[in-house]
Each structure stands twice: as C-alpha cells, then as structure tokens.
Amino acid sequence: MTEPAGGGAPPKRADARRNEATILAAAADVFGASGVDAPIRDIAAQAGVGTATIGRHFPTRADLILALYRHQVRQLVEAGRTFSVTSASPHAALARWIDQFVDFVVTKQGLAGVLQSEDPCYDPLHAYFQEQLEPVCAQLLDAAVASGEIRPGHSPTEIMLAVGGLCAAASRAVEYDTRRMVGLLVAGLASPPVTSG
C-alpha cells in the first residue's frame, strides 16, 4: 500500500469513527462510576462491542485514558463556542459551560491517580488542559462582564480551580450536592442589581 498524501495516517472509516466515539462515551461512564482500573470488559459491554474492538482502537489502557481526556477537552472547547451563540445571555452561556465542565472534572477525579503517576505519557495532559480550556473560559467570562451580568476581576484559572475544589469535596462528604454548590458559585458571580435612589 502506498502512503497517503502528506505522509499522515489514512483517515478512519465512518464506522471506525462511530465505534471510537461509542467506546469513549462508555469509558467516560465506566471510569466515572468505577475508576480507571475498571475492567475493559465493562466498557466493552456498555459500548456494545467486543474487547478486541477496544484493543484495536486503544492498544493499552493508557491509550484509552489519553484519548478520553483529549476527547472531553475538545468537547468542552466546542461547547464553549456553541453556548456563546445559543444561550439566552452570556451569563447563561457561562453557567451551561461550567455545568459541562463539572461532568469533565468528575471523570477527571477518577483519573487523578493515573495523571499523578510517574508514567511520562501523561505529562503533557495538564498543559493541554490549560492551553485549550482557559481561553474558552476567559472568553465566556469576558462576554458576561461586558454584558454587565457579572462583576469583573475573575480569572479563568481561579474559576476552574474553584469548580474543581467543589467537585473534589463530593468524595469527602456523604450529604453533598456538587451541582448545587457549583450553582451557588456561578450565581455569586452575578453583578448586584442596580437600585434607584
């Protein structure tokens, strides 16, 4: 076989892309519920594929974890663009994006031990996370500030760290509603109403 033009890998077939997306969605659910050491057969069962199919797409568990992390980051980047044009207001767009960011962080909590491991293959992930997501959060914050809906002076870094901290607390308390607490954080960003006289 000749190498495709440009020297890159040949494009994946549509069915292969669908299988990969299905596997990643199943992995997010299984890892979120049972941790990243969950059996691959559990992911295969949820995805409706065989373990050999997962192995063809992701030869190692690390390959699957890396792909899932990057896939979810890309989804968050795209969500930021979508919410900015489909939401009722910039503050609503920020709230919707943060709600989806919570889903990402909950899964990422399960990856924490792996991401802190000594395996060098995970080293670029933190930088990738910051490079991709901080600009999206900054744009949403800036738009909400420009509209007068939230007070200025908040950095995307502190907002994302605050959400991460609120998500992490769920593992330490039985009676704890992560989304309610994050909702309070988002509501607290709002500018106070202007009163006359």
C-alpha atoms as a PDB file:
ATOM      1  CA  MET A   1       0.000   0.000   0.000  1.00  0.00           C
ATOM      2  CA  THR A   2       1.217   3.491  -0.767  1.00  0.00           C
ATOM      3  CA  GLU A   3       1.404   6.090   1.958  1.00  0.00           C
ATOM      4  CA  PRO A   4      -1.368   8.687   1.791  1.00  0.00           C
ATOM      5  CA  ALA A   5      -0.535  12.162   0.516  1.00  0.00           C
ATOM      6  CA  GLY A   6       1.085  14.304   3.154  1.00  0.00           C
ATOM      7  CA  GLY A   7       2.601  11.334   4.938  1.00  0.00           C
ATOM      8  CA  GLY A   8      -0.119  11.159   7.589  1.00  0.00           C
ATOM      9  CA  ALA A   9      -2.224   8.223   8.706  1.00  0.00           C
ATOM     10  CA  PRO A  10      -5.117   7.304   6.409  1.00  0.00           C
ATOM     11  CA  PRO A  11      -8.472   8.730   7.528  1.00  0.00           C
ATOM     12  CA  LYS A  12     -10.611   6.424   9.609  1.00  0.00           C
ATOM     13  CA  ARG A  13     -13.744   4.944   8.093  1.00  0.00           C
ATOM     14  CA  ALA A  14     -17.074   6.284   9.315  1.00  0.00           C
ATOM     15  CA  ASP A  15     -17.892   3.060  11.186  1.00  0.00           C
ATOM     16  CA  ALA A  16     -14.480   3.134  12.896  1.00  0.00           C
ATOM     17  CA  ARG A  17     -15.070   6.727  13.989  1.00  0.00           C
ATOM     18  CA  ARG A  18     -18.502   5.783  15.349  1.00  0.00           C
ATOM     19  CA  ASN A  19     -17.036   2.832  17.245  1.00  0.00           C
ATOM     20  CA  GLU A  20     -14.338   5.043  18.736  1.00  0.00           C
ATOM     21  CA  ALA A  21     -16.865   7.669  19.853  1.00  0.00           C
ATOM     22  CA  THR A  22     -19.067   4.971  21.397  1.00  0.00           C
ATOM     23  CA  ILE A  23     -16.111   3.446  23.243  1.00  0.00           C
ATOM     24  CA  LEU A  24     -15.037   6.841  24.613  1.00  0.00           C
ATOM     25  CA  ALA A  25     -18.566   7.616  25.830  1.00  0.00           C
ATOM     26  CA  ALA A  26     -18.743   4.229  27.554  1.00  0.00           C
ATOM     27  CA  ALA A  27     -15.285   4.694  29.062  1.00  0.00           C
ATOM     28  CA  ALA A  28     -16.317   8.063  30.493  1.00  0.00           C
ATOM     29  CA  ASP A  29     -19.332   6.457  32.204  1.00  0.00           C
ATOM     30  CA  VAL A  30     -17.450   3.411  33.494  1.00  0.00           C
ATOM     31  CA  PHE A  31     -14.381   5.322  34.650  1.00  0.00           C
ATOM     32  CA  GLY A  32     -16.610   7.912  36.316  1.00  0.00           C
ATOM     33  CA  ALA A  33     -18.508   5.227  38.212  1.00  0.00           C
ATOM     34  CA  SER A  34     -15.770   2.686  38.948  1.00  0.00           C
ATOM     35  CA  GLY A  35     -12.418   4.406  38.405  1.00  0.00           C
ATOM     36  CA  VAL A  36      -9.838   3.971  35.689  1.00  0.00           C
ATOM     37  CA  ASP A  37      -8.957   0.459  36.846  1.00  0.00           C
ATOM     38  CA  ALA A  38     -12.411  -0.792  35.851  1.00  0.00           C
ATOM     39  CA  PRO A  39     -12.278  -3.907  33.663  1.00  0.00           C
ATOM     40  CA  ILE A  40     -12.128  -3.232  29.939  1.00  0.00           C
ATOM     41  CA  ARG A  41     -14.904  -5.806  29.530  1.00  0.00           C
ATOM     42  CA  ASP A  42     -17.232  -3.447  31.427  1.00  0.00           C
ATOM     43  CA  ILE A  43     -16.518  -0.698  28.908  1.00  0.00           C
ATOM     44  CA  ALA A  44     -16.987  -3.149  26.044  1.00  0.00           C
ATOM     45  CA  ALA A  45     -20.340  -4.287  27.441  1.00  0.00           C
ATOM     46  CA  GLN A  46     -21.602  -0.727  27.805  1.00  0.00           C
ATOM     47  CA  ALA A  47     -20.373   0.199  24.337  1.00  0.00           C
ATOM     48  CA  GLY A  48     -21.868  -2.916  22.779  1.00  0.00           C
ATOM     49  CA  VAL A  49     -18.573  -4.019  21.254  1.00  0.00           C
ATOM     50  CA  GLY A  50     -16.048  -6.757  21.934  1.00  0.00           C
ATOM     51  CA  THR A  51     -12.898  -6.211  23.967  1.00  0.00           C
ATOM     52  CA  ALA A  52     -10.901  -6.910  20.797  1.00  0.00           C
ATOM     53  CA  THR A  53     -12.548  -3.896  19.156  1.00  0.00           C
ATOM     54  CA  ILE A  54     -11.419  -1.683  22.039  1.00  0.00           C
ATOM     55  CA  GLY A  55      -7.930  -3.161  21.702  1.00  0.00           C
ATOM     56  CA  ARG A  56      -7.787  -2.274  18.008  1.00  0.00           C
ATOM     57  CA  HIS A  57      -8.638   1.365  18.744  1.00  0.00           C
ATOM     58  CA  PHE A  58      -6.715   1.653  22.020  1.00  0.00           C
ATOM     59  CA  PRO A  59      -3.981  -0.979  22.409  1.00  0.00           C
ATOM     60  CA  THR A  60      -3.296  -0.057  26.059  1.00  0.00           C
ATOM     61  CA  ARG A  61      -5.305   1.364  28.954  1.00  0.00           C
ATOM     62  CA  ALA A  62      -3.074   4.440  28.822  1.00  0.00           C
ATOM     63  CA  ASP A  63      -4.041   4.965  25.174  1.00  0.00           C
ATOM     64  CA  LEU A  64      -7.718   4.866  26.151  1.00  0.00           C
ATOM     65  CA  ILE A  65      -7.228   7.259  29.080  1.00  0.00           C
ATOM     66  CA  LEU A  66      -5.285   9.743  26.949  1.00  0.00           C
ATOM     67  CA  ALA A  67      -7.855   9.607  24.168  1.00  0.00           C
ATOM     68  CA  LEU A  68     -10.749  10.074  26.592  1.00  0.00           C
ATOM     69  CA  TYR A  69      -9.102  13.047  28.284  1.00  0.00           C
ATOM     70  CA  ARG A  70      -8.363  14.791  24.987  1.00  0.00           C
ATOM     71  CA  HIS A  71     -11.810  13.948  23.609  1.00  0.00           C
ATOM     72  CA  GLN A  72     -13.534  15.515  26.603  1.00  0.00           C
ATOM     73  CA  VAL A  73     -11.355  18.621  26.410  1.00  0.00           C
ATOM     74  CA  ARG A  74     -12.263  19.018  22.724  1.00  0.00           C
ATOM     75  CA  GLN A  75     -15.949  18.641  23.618  1.00  0.00           C
ATOM     76  CA  LEU A  76     -15.625  21.421  26.186  1.00  0.00           C
ATOM     77  CA  VAL A  77     -13.938  23.724  23.671  1.00  0.00           C
ATOM     78  CA  GLU A  78     -16.735  23.127  21.168  1.00  0.00           C
ATOM     79  CA  ALA A  79     -19.386  23.552  23.867  1.00  0.00           C
ATOM     80  CA  GLY A  80     -17.996  26.973  24.739  1.00  0.00           C
ATOM     81  CA  ARG A  81     -18.411  28.095  21.133  1.00  0.00           C
ATOM     82  CA  THR A  82     -21.901  26.636  20.910  1.00  0.00           C
ATOM     83  CA  PHE A  83     -23.179  28.012  24.203  1.00  0.00           C
ATOM     84  CA  SER A  84     -21.902  31.501  23.399  1.00  0.00           C
ATOM     85  CA  VAL A  85     -24.287  31.721  20.428  1.00  0.00           C
ATOM     86  CA  THR A  86     -27.231  29.604  21.621  1.00  0.00           C
ATOM     87  CA  SER A  87     -27.695  30.742  25.220  1.00  0.00           C
ATOM     88  CA  ALA A  88     -30.156  33.382  26.394  1.00  0.00           C
ATOM     89  CA  SER A  89     -27.346  35.540  27.783  1.00  0.00           C
ATOM     90  CA  PRO A  90     -23.561  35.486  28.305  1.00  0.00           C
ATOM     91  CA  HIS A  91     -24.055  34.585  31.980  1.00  0.00           C
ATOM     92  CA  ALA A  92     -26.303  31.683  30.933  1.00  0.00           C
ATOM     93  CA  ALA A  93     -23.631  30.558  28.449  1.00  0.00           C
ATOM     94  CA  LEU A  94     -21.035  30.588  31.230  1.00  0.00           C
ATOM     95  CA  ALA A  95     -23.346  28.645  33.544  1.00  0.00           C
ATOM     96  CA  ARG A  96     -24.029  25.983  30.888  1.00  0.00           C
ATOM     97  CA  TRP A  97     -20.326  25.617  30.146  1.00  0.00           C
ATOM     98  CA  ILE A  98     -19.417  25.300  33.816  1.00  0.00           C
ATOM     99  CA  ASP A  99     -22.116  22.646  34.215  1.00  0.00           C
ATOM    100  CA  GLN A 100     -20.475  20.623  31.428  1.00  0.00           C
ATOM    101  CA  PHE A 101     -17.070  21.319  32.964  1.00  0.00           C
ATOM    102  CA  VAL A 102     -18.370  19.649  36.146  1.00  0.00           C
ATOM    103  CA  ASP A 103     -19.015  16.461  34.154  1.00  0.00           C
ATOM    104  CA  PHE A 104     -15.431  16.594  32.896  1.00  0.00           C
ATOM    105  CA  VAL A 105     -13.968  17.206  36.355  1.00  0.00           C
ATOM    106  CA  VAL A 106     -15.962  14.350  37.899  1.00  0.00           C
ATOM    107  CA  THR A 107     -14.432  11.975  35.342  1.00  0.00           C
ATOM    108  CA  LYS A 108     -11.028  13.600  35.807  1.00  0.00           C
ATOM    109  CA  GLN A 109     -11.217  12.961  39.549  1.00  0.00           C
ATOM    110  CA  GLY A 110     -11.185   9.272  38.677  1.00  0.00           C
ATOM    111  CA  LEU A 111      -8.113   9.862  36.555  1.00  0.00           C
ATOM    112  CA  ALA A 112      -6.270  11.805  39.235  1.00  0.00           C
ATOM    113  CA  GLY A 113      -4.159   8.914  40.469  1.00  0.00           C
ATOM    114  CA  VAL A 114      -3.156   7.996  36.951  1.00  0.00           C
ATOM    115  CA  LEU A 115      -2.392  11.573  35.957  1.00  0.00           C
ATOM    116  CA  GLN A 116      -0.127  11.904  39.003  1.00  0.00           C
ATOM    117  CA  SER A 117       1.708   8.702  38.205  1.00  0.00           C
ATOM    118  CA  GLU A 118       5.326   8.614  37.040  1.00  0.00           C
ATOM    119  CA  ASP A 119       4.346   7.450  33.555  1.00  0.00           C
ATOM    120  CA  PRO A 120       5.715  10.179  31.231  1.00  0.00           C
ATOM    121  CA  CYS A 121       2.960   9.599  28.683  1.00  0.00           C
ATOM    122  CA  TYR A 122       0.595  11.605  30.912  1.00  0.00           C
ATOM    123  CA  ASP A 123       2.928  14.574  31.392  1.00  0.00           C
ATOM    124  CA  PRO A 124       1.521  16.751  28.555  1.00  0.00           C
ATOM    125  CA  LEU A 125      -2.106  16.468  29.696  1.00  0.00           C
ATOM    126  CA  HIS A 126      -2.112  19.242  32.288  1.00  0.00           C
ATOM    127  CA  ALA A 127      -0.604  21.724  29.831  1.00  0.00           C
ATOM    128  CA  TYR A 128      -3.075  20.587  27.161  1.00  0.00           C
ATOM    129  CA  PHE A 129      -5.941  21.148  29.601  1.00  0.00           C
ATOM    130  CA  GLN A 130      -4.802  24.692  30.391  1.00  0.00           C
ATOM    131  CA  GLU A 131      -3.970  25.657  26.812  1.00  0.00           C
ATOM    132  CA  GLN A 132      -7.332  24.506  25.486  1.00  0.00           C
ATOM    133  CA  LEU A 133      -9.789  25.389  28.270  1.00  0.00           C
ATOM    134  CA  GLU A 134      -8.518  28.579  29.883  1.00  0.00           C
ATOM    135  CA  PRO A 135      -9.083  30.653  26.699  1.00  0.00           C
ATOM    136  CA  VAL A 136     -12.634  29.300  26.382  1.00  0.00           C
ATOM    137  CA  CYS A 137     -13.456  30.116  29.992  1.00  0.00           C
ATOM    138  CA  ALA A 138     -11.838  33.551  29.576  1.00  0.00           C
ATOM    139  CA  GLN A 139     -13.984  34.359  26.533  1.00  0.00           C
ATOM    140  CA  LEU A 140     -17.170  33.362  28.350  1.00  0.00           C
ATOM    141  CA  LEU A 141     -16.186  35.388  31.411  1.00  0.00           C
ATOM    142  CA  ASP A 142     -15.272  38.432  29.312  1.00  0.00           C
ATOM    143  CA  ALA A 143     -18.589  38.310  27.467  1.00  0.00           C
ATOM    144  CA  ALA A 144     -20.538  38.106  30.736  1.00  0.00           C
ATOM    145  CA  VAL A 145     -18.545  41.016  32.186  1.00  0.00           C
ATOM    146  CA  ALA A 146     -19.059  43.079  29.019  1.00  0.00           C
ATOM    147  CA  SER A 147     -22.818  42.480  29.263  1.00  0.00           C
ATOM    148  CA  GLY A 148     -22.814  43.734  32.851  1.00  0.00           C
ATOM    149  CA  GLU A 149     -24.131  40.412  34.152  1.00  0.00           C
ATOM    150  CA  ILE A 150     -21.135  39.505  36.290  1.00  0.00           C
ATOM    151  CA  ARG A 151     -18.555  41.516  38.184  1.00  0.00           C
ATOM    152  CA  PRO A 152     -15.103  41.901  36.617  1.00  0.00           C
ATOM    153  CA  GLY A 153     -11.907  40.664  38.208  1.00  0.00           C
ATOM    154  CA  HIS A 154     -12.273  36.876  37.957  1.00  0.00           C
ATOM    155  CA  SER A 155      -9.638  34.840  36.139  1.00  0.00           C
ATOM    156  CA  PRO A 156     -10.472  31.634  34.287  1.00  0.00           C
ATOM    157  CA  THR A 157      -7.832  29.832  36.328  1.00  0.00           C
ATOM    158  CA  GLU A 158      -9.442  30.661  39.659  1.00  0.00           C
ATOM    159  CA  ILE A 159     -12.925  29.798  38.388  1.00  0.00           C
ATOM    160  CA  MET A 160     -11.835  26.387  37.118  1.00  0.00           C
ATOM    161  CA  LEU A 161      -9.846  25.674  40.270  1.00  0.00           C
ATOM    162  CA  ALA A 162     -12.851  26.656  42.388  1.00  0.00           C
ATOM    163  CA  VAL A 163     -15.131  24.314  40.446  1.00  0.00           C
ATOM    164  CA  GLY A 164     -12.539  21.544  40.741  1.00  0.00           C
ATOM    165  CA  GLY A 165     -12.374  22.038  44.504  1.00  0.00           C
ATOM    166  CA  LEU A 166     -16.156  21.892  44.828  1.00  0.00           C
ATOM    167  CA  CYS A 167     -16.217  18.678  42.795  1.00  0.00           C
ATOM    168  CA  ALA A 168     -13.430  17.111  44.851  1.00  0.00           C
ATOM    169  CA  ALA A 169     -15.345  17.753  48.068  1.00  0.00           C
ATOM    170  CA  ALA A 170     -18.000  15.264  46.966  1.00  0.00           C
ATOM    171  CA  SER A 171     -15.634  12.374  47.701  1.00  0.00           C
ATOM    172  CA  ARG A 172     -15.273  13.509  51.306  1.00  0.00           C
ATOM    173  CA  ALA A 173     -18.906  14.147  52.267  1.00  0.00           C
ATOM    174  CA  VAL A 174     -21.995  11.950  52.043  1.00  0.00           C
ATOM    175  CA  GLU A 175     -24.562  14.742  52.124  1.00  0.00           C
ATOM    176  CA  TYR A 176     -23.139  16.944  49.418  1.00  0.00           C
ATOM    177  CA  ASP A 177     -24.667  18.147  46.146  1.00  0.00           C
ATOM    178  CA  THR A 178     -21.877  19.160  43.796  1.00  0.00           C
ATOM    179  CA  ARG A 179     -24.104  20.825  41.226  1.00  0.00           C
ATOM    180  CA  ARG A 180     -25.945  22.850  43.858  1.00  0.00           C
ATOM    181  CA  MET A 181     -22.665  24.157  45.245  1.00  0.00           C
ATOM    182  CA  VAL A 182     -21.310  24.962  41.789  1.00  0.00           C
ATOM    183  CA  GLY A 183     -24.625  26.662  41.019  1.00  0.00           C
ATOM    184  CA  LEU A 184     -24.117  28.872  44.069  1.00  0.00           C
ATOM    185  CA  LEU A 185     -20.640  29.746  42.810  1.00  0.00           C
ATOM    186  CA  VAL A 186     -21.977  30.730  39.393  1.00  0.00           C
ATOM    187  CA  ALA A 187     -24.831  32.719  40.907  1.00  0.00           C
ATOM    188  CA  GLY A 188     -22.353  34.507  43.147  1.00  0.00           C
ATOM    189  CA  LEU A 189     -20.508  35.862  40.104  1.00  0.00           C
ATOM    190  CA  ALA A 190     -23.551  37.915  39.120  1.00  0.00           C
ATOM    191  CA  SER A 191     -23.458  41.664  39.457  1.00  0.00           C
ATOM    192  CA  PRO A 192     -25.838  43.021  42.103  1.00  0.00           C
ATOM    193  CA  PRO A 193     -28.942  44.662  40.639  1.00  0.00           C
ATOM    194  CA  VAL A 194     -28.791  48.400  40.268  1.00  0.00           C
ATOM    195  CA  THR A 195     -31.218  50.116  42.629  1.00  0.00           C
ATOM    196  CA  SER A 196     -32.596  53.577  42.083  1.00  0.00           C
ATOM    197  CA  GLY A 197     -32.266  56.277  44.699  1.00  0.00           C
END
